[in-house]
C-alpha cells in the first residue's frame, strides 16, 4: 500500500504522459529513489529488487505507483515491460 504522496510524483506523471519517460528506470533520473521507496512504503531490499529487475514489480504495485504519479497503472506496466524487453 502506498504510504504518502510526495508532490514531486505528479511531475513524474506529467513526464510519463508527455513521453519523456519511456522506461521504469528513467523515473529515477527525475526523482530520488528514496521518494519512491517512502511513498510506496518499501524498504531498501524491495527498492533494490525492483531497480535491478523491474519485472519483479507486481501488478498491484504498478497500479499503486500509477495512483501516486497520477497515471494509469497500465502505463506503469508498459514502462516496466519496455524495460524488461529492452534488457533481453
N, C-alpha and C. Protein backbone atom coordinates (compact mmCIF):
# COMPACT_ATOMS: atom_id res chain seq x y z
N UNK A 1 0.83 -1.19 0.00
CA UNK A 1 0.00 0.00 0.00
C UNK A 1 0.87 1.25 0.00
N UNK A 2 0.50 2.24 -0.79
CA UNK A 2 1.26 3.48 -0.76
C UNK A 2 1.18 4.13 0.60
N UNK A 3 2.28 4.72 1.02
CA UNK A 3 2.35 5.37 2.33
C UNK A 3 1.85 6.80 2.25
N UNK A 4 2.51 7.62 1.45
CA UNK A 4 2.10 9.01 1.30
C UNK A 4 2.49 9.48 -0.09
N UNK A 5 1.86 10.56 -0.51
CA UNK A 5 2.10 11.05 -1.85
C UNK A 5 2.96 12.30 -1.81
N UNK A 6 4.17 12.18 -2.30
CA UNK A 6 5.09 13.31 -2.42
C UNK A 6 4.65 14.14 -3.62
N UNK A 7 4.57 15.45 -3.48
CA UNK A 7 4.09 16.28 -4.60
C UNK A 7 4.96 16.18 -5.86
N UNK A 8 6.21 15.77 -5.73
CA UNK A 8 7.08 15.62 -6.90
C UNK A 8 6.62 14.48 -7.80
N UNK A 9 5.84 13.57 -7.26
CA UNK A 9 5.38 12.43 -8.06
C UNK A 9 4.45 12.86 -9.19
N UNK A 10 3.69 13.92 -8.98
CA UNK A 10 2.80 14.41 -10.04
C UNK A 10 3.60 14.87 -11.25
N UNK A 11 4.77 15.47 -11.00
CA UNK A 11 5.60 15.91 -12.13
C UNK A 11 6.13 14.71 -12.91
N UNK A 12 6.39 13.60 -12.22
CA UNK A 12 6.81 12.38 -12.90
C UNK A 12 5.68 11.88 -13.80
N UNK A 13 4.46 11.94 -13.29
CA UNK A 13 3.30 11.55 -14.09
C UNK A 13 3.18 12.37 -15.36
N UNK A 14 3.43 13.67 -15.24
CA UNK A 14 3.39 14.54 -16.42
C UNK A 14 4.46 14.15 -17.44
N UNK A 15 5.65 13.80 -16.94
CA UNK A 15 6.74 13.39 -17.84
C UNK A 15 6.43 12.05 -18.51
N UNK A 16 5.74 11.19 -17.80
CA UNK A 16 5.33 9.91 -18.39
C UNK A 16 4.30 10.17 -19.49
N UNK A 17 3.32 11.00 -19.17
CA UNK A 17 2.26 11.30 -20.15
C UNK A 17 2.81 11.98 -21.40
N UNK A 18 3.84 12.82 -21.23
CA UNK A 18 4.42 13.53 -22.38
C UNK A 18 5.35 12.65 -23.20
N UNK A 19 5.69 11.48 -22.66
CA UNK A 19 6.58 10.56 -23.38
C UNK A 19 8.05 10.78 -23.07
N UNK A 20 8.36 11.74 -22.21
CA UNK A 20 9.76 11.98 -21.87
C UNK A 20 10.36 10.82 -21.08
N UNK A 21 9.54 10.20 -20.22
CA UNK A 21 9.96 9.00 -19.50
C UNK A 21 9.42 7.80 -20.26
N UNK A 22 10.36 6.95 -20.72
CA UNK A 22 9.97 5.82 -21.57
C UNK A 22 10.18 4.46 -20.90
N UNK A 23 10.96 4.42 -19.81
CA UNK A 23 11.20 3.16 -19.10
C UNK A 23 11.10 3.41 -17.60
N UNK A 24 10.93 2.33 -16.87
CA UNK A 24 10.82 2.42 -15.42
C UNK A 24 12.05 3.09 -14.81
N UNK A 25 13.24 2.72 -15.27
CA UNK A 25 14.45 3.29 -14.67
C UNK A 25 14.60 4.78 -14.96
N UNK A 26 13.98 5.28 -16.04
CA UNK A 26 14.03 6.71 -16.34
C UNK A 26 13.39 7.54 -15.23
N UNK A 27 12.47 6.96 -14.50
CA UNK A 27 11.82 7.67 -13.40
C UNK A 27 12.87 8.19 -12.43
N UNK A 28 13.89 7.38 -12.19
CA UNK A 28 14.88 7.71 -11.16
C UNK A 28 15.92 8.72 -11.63
N UNK A 29 15.83 9.14 -12.88
CA UNK A 29 16.65 10.25 -13.37
C UNK A 29 16.02 11.58 -12.98
N UNK A 30 14.75 11.53 -12.58
CA UNK A 30 13.99 12.74 -12.31
C UNK A 30 13.55 12.90 -10.86
N UNK A 31 13.66 11.84 -10.09
CA UNK A 31 13.21 11.88 -8.70
C UNK A 31 14.09 10.92 -7.89
N UNK A 32 14.43 11.28 -6.68
CA UNK A 32 15.26 10.38 -5.86
C UNK A 32 14.57 9.04 -5.58
N UNK A 33 15.39 7.99 -5.57
CA UNK A 33 14.87 6.66 -5.26
C UNK A 33 14.15 6.66 -3.92
N UNK A 34 14.68 7.43 -2.98
CA UNK A 34 14.10 7.45 -1.63
C UNK A 34 12.66 7.94 -1.63
N UNK A 35 12.31 8.81 -2.56
CA UNK A 35 10.94 9.33 -2.63
C UNK A 35 9.99 8.21 -3.03
N UNK A 36 10.39 7.42 -4.03
CA UNK A 36 9.55 6.29 -4.45
C UNK A 36 9.45 5.28 -3.32
N UNK A 37 10.59 4.95 -2.71
CA UNK A 37 10.60 3.96 -1.63
C UNK A 37 9.69 4.39 -0.48
N UNK A 38 9.81 5.63 -0.06
CA UNK A 38 9.00 6.12 1.06
C UNK A 38 7.52 6.15 0.68
N UNK A 39 7.23 6.64 -0.51
CA UNK A 39 5.83 6.74 -0.95
C UNK A 39 5.17 5.37 -1.07
N UNK A 40 5.96 4.37 -1.45
CA UNK A 40 5.44 3.01 -1.60
C UNK A 40 5.58 2.19 -0.32
N UNK A 41 6.20 2.79 0.68
CA UNK A 41 6.44 2.10 1.95
C UNK A 41 7.31 0.85 1.74
N UNK A 42 8.34 1.02 0.91
CA UNK A 42 9.28 -0.05 0.61
C UNK A 42 10.53 0.11 1.43
N UNK A 43 11.12 -1.00 1.81
CA UNK A 43 12.43 -0.99 2.44
C UNK A 43 13.51 -0.98 1.37
N UNK A 44 14.76 -0.87 1.81
CA UNK A 44 15.90 -0.84 0.89
C UNK A 44 15.94 -2.10 0.02
N UNK A 45 15.68 -3.24 0.62
CA UNK A 45 15.75 -4.51 -0.11
C UNK A 45 14.75 -4.53 -1.27
N UNK A 46 13.52 -4.13 -1.02
CA UNK A 46 12.49 -4.14 -2.07
C UNK A 46 12.86 -3.14 -3.17
N UNK A 47 13.33 -1.97 -2.78
CA UNK A 47 13.70 -0.96 -3.77
C UNK A 47 14.82 -1.49 -4.67
N UNK A 48 15.83 -2.10 -4.08
CA UNK A 48 16.94 -2.64 -4.86
C UNK A 48 16.46 -3.75 -5.80
N UNK A 49 15.54 -4.57 -5.33
CA UNK A 49 15.00 -5.65 -6.16
C UNK A 49 14.32 -5.10 -7.40
N UNK A 50 13.45 -4.11 -7.24
CA UNK A 50 12.72 -3.59 -8.40
C UNK A 50 13.60 -2.74 -9.30
N UNK A 51 14.64 -2.13 -8.74
CA UNK A 51 15.55 -1.36 -9.58
C UNK A 51 16.42 -2.30 -10.43
N UNK A 52 16.84 -3.40 -9.84
CA UNK A 52 17.66 -4.38 -10.56
C UNK A 52 16.83 -5.19 -11.56
N UNK A 53 15.58 -5.44 -11.21
CA UNK A 53 14.72 -6.25 -12.05
C UNK A 53 13.28 -5.74 -11.96
N UNK A 54 12.94 -4.72 -12.77
CA UNK A 54 11.60 -4.15 -12.71
C UNK A 54 10.49 -5.17 -12.96
N UNK A 55 10.83 -6.27 -13.62
CA UNK A 55 9.85 -7.32 -13.86
C UNK A 55 9.34 -7.95 -12.58
N UNK A 56 10.00 -7.69 -11.47
CA UNK A 56 9.57 -8.21 -10.17
C UNK A 56 8.45 -7.37 -9.55
N UNK A 57 8.14 -6.23 -10.16
CA UNK A 57 7.01 -5.43 -9.67
C UNK A 57 5.72 -6.20 -9.87
N UNK A 58 4.86 -6.17 -8.88
CA UNK A 58 3.56 -6.82 -9.03
C UNK A 58 2.61 -5.88 -9.76
N UNK A 59 1.54 -6.44 -10.27
CA UNK A 59 0.53 -5.60 -10.91
C UNK A 59 -0.01 -4.58 -9.91
N UNK A 60 -0.23 -5.04 -8.69
CA UNK A 60 -0.74 -4.15 -7.65
C UNK A 60 0.21 -2.97 -7.43
N UNK A 61 1.50 -3.26 -7.39
CA UNK A 61 2.49 -2.19 -7.18
C UNK A 61 2.49 -1.22 -8.37
N UNK A 62 2.33 -1.73 -9.57
CA UNK A 62 2.26 -0.86 -10.74
C UNK A 62 1.06 0.09 -10.64
N UNK A 63 -0.07 -0.44 -10.22
CA UNK A 63 -1.25 0.40 -10.07
C UNK A 63 -1.11 1.39 -8.92
N UNK A 64 -0.44 0.99 -7.84
CA UNK A 64 -0.19 1.90 -6.73
C UNK A 64 0.74 3.03 -7.16
N UNK A 65 1.80 2.68 -7.89
CA UNK A 65 2.70 3.70 -8.42
C UNK A 65 1.95 4.65 -9.36
N UNK A 66 1.10 4.07 -10.20
CA UNK A 66 0.30 4.89 -11.10
C UNK A 66 -0.56 5.90 -10.35
N UNK A 67 -1.20 5.45 -9.30
CA UNK A 67 -2.02 6.36 -8.49
C UNK A 67 -1.19 7.49 -7.93
N UNK A 68 -0.02 7.15 -7.40
CA UNK A 68 0.85 8.16 -6.82
C UNK A 68 1.31 9.19 -7.85
N UNK A 69 1.54 8.72 -9.08
CA UNK A 69 2.05 9.60 -10.14
C UNK A 69 0.93 10.17 -11.01
N UNK A 70 -0.29 9.83 -10.68
CA UNK A 70 -1.47 10.30 -11.41
C UNK A 70 -1.45 9.87 -12.88
N UNK A 71 -1.07 8.59 -13.08
CA UNK A 71 -1.18 7.96 -14.40
C UNK A 71 -1.85 6.61 -14.20
N UNK A 72 -2.33 6.03 -15.27
CA UNK A 72 -2.97 4.71 -15.16
C UNK A 72 -1.92 3.65 -14.86
N UNK A 73 -2.31 2.68 -14.08
CA UNK A 73 -1.41 1.59 -13.72
C UNK A 73 -0.89 0.84 -14.92
N UNK A 74 -1.73 0.73 -15.96
CA UNK A 74 -1.26 0.01 -17.15
C UNK A 74 -0.14 0.78 -17.86
N UNK A 75 -0.09 2.09 -17.68
CA UNK A 75 1.00 2.88 -18.24
C UNK A 75 2.30 2.53 -17.52
N UNK A 76 2.24 2.36 -16.21
CA UNK A 76 3.42 1.95 -15.44
C UNK A 76 3.85 0.55 -15.89
N UNK A 77 2.88 -0.32 -16.09
CA UNK A 77 3.22 -1.67 -16.56
C UNK A 77 3.89 -1.63 -17.92
N UNK A 78 3.48 -0.71 -18.78
CA UNK A 78 4.11 -0.57 -20.10
C UNK A 78 5.56 -0.09 -19.96
N UNK A 79 5.81 0.82 -19.01
CA UNK A 79 7.18 1.27 -18.76
C UNK A 79 8.05 0.11 -18.32
N UNK A 80 7.50 -0.69 -17.43
CA UNK A 80 8.22 -1.86 -16.91
C UNK A 80 8.45 -2.86 -18.05
N UNK A 81 7.42 -3.15 -18.81
CA UNK A 81 7.54 -4.11 -19.90
C UNK A 81 8.57 -3.66 -20.93
N UNK A 82 8.55 -2.37 -21.25
CA UNK A 82 9.51 -1.84 -22.20
C UNK A 82 10.94 -2.02 -21.73
N UNK A 83 11.15 -1.84 -20.45
CA UNK A 83 12.48 -2.01 -19.91
C UNK A 83 12.88 -3.47 -19.88
N UNK A 84 11.99 -4.32 -19.43
CA UNK A 84 12.29 -5.76 -19.35
C UNK A 84 12.60 -6.30 -20.74
N UNK A 85 11.80 -5.94 -21.73
CA UNK A 85 12.03 -6.41 -23.10
C UNK A 85 13.32 -5.84 -23.68
N UNK A 86 13.63 -4.59 -23.31
CA UNK A 86 14.85 -3.96 -23.79
C UNK A 86 16.12 -4.57 -23.25
N UNK A 87 16.02 -5.24 -22.11
CA UNK A 87 17.19 -5.87 -21.49
C UNK A 87 17.49 -7.23 -22.08
N UNK A 88 16.55 -7.79 -22.83
CA UNK A 88 16.75 -9.15 -23.38
C UNK A 88 17.58 -9.11 -24.64
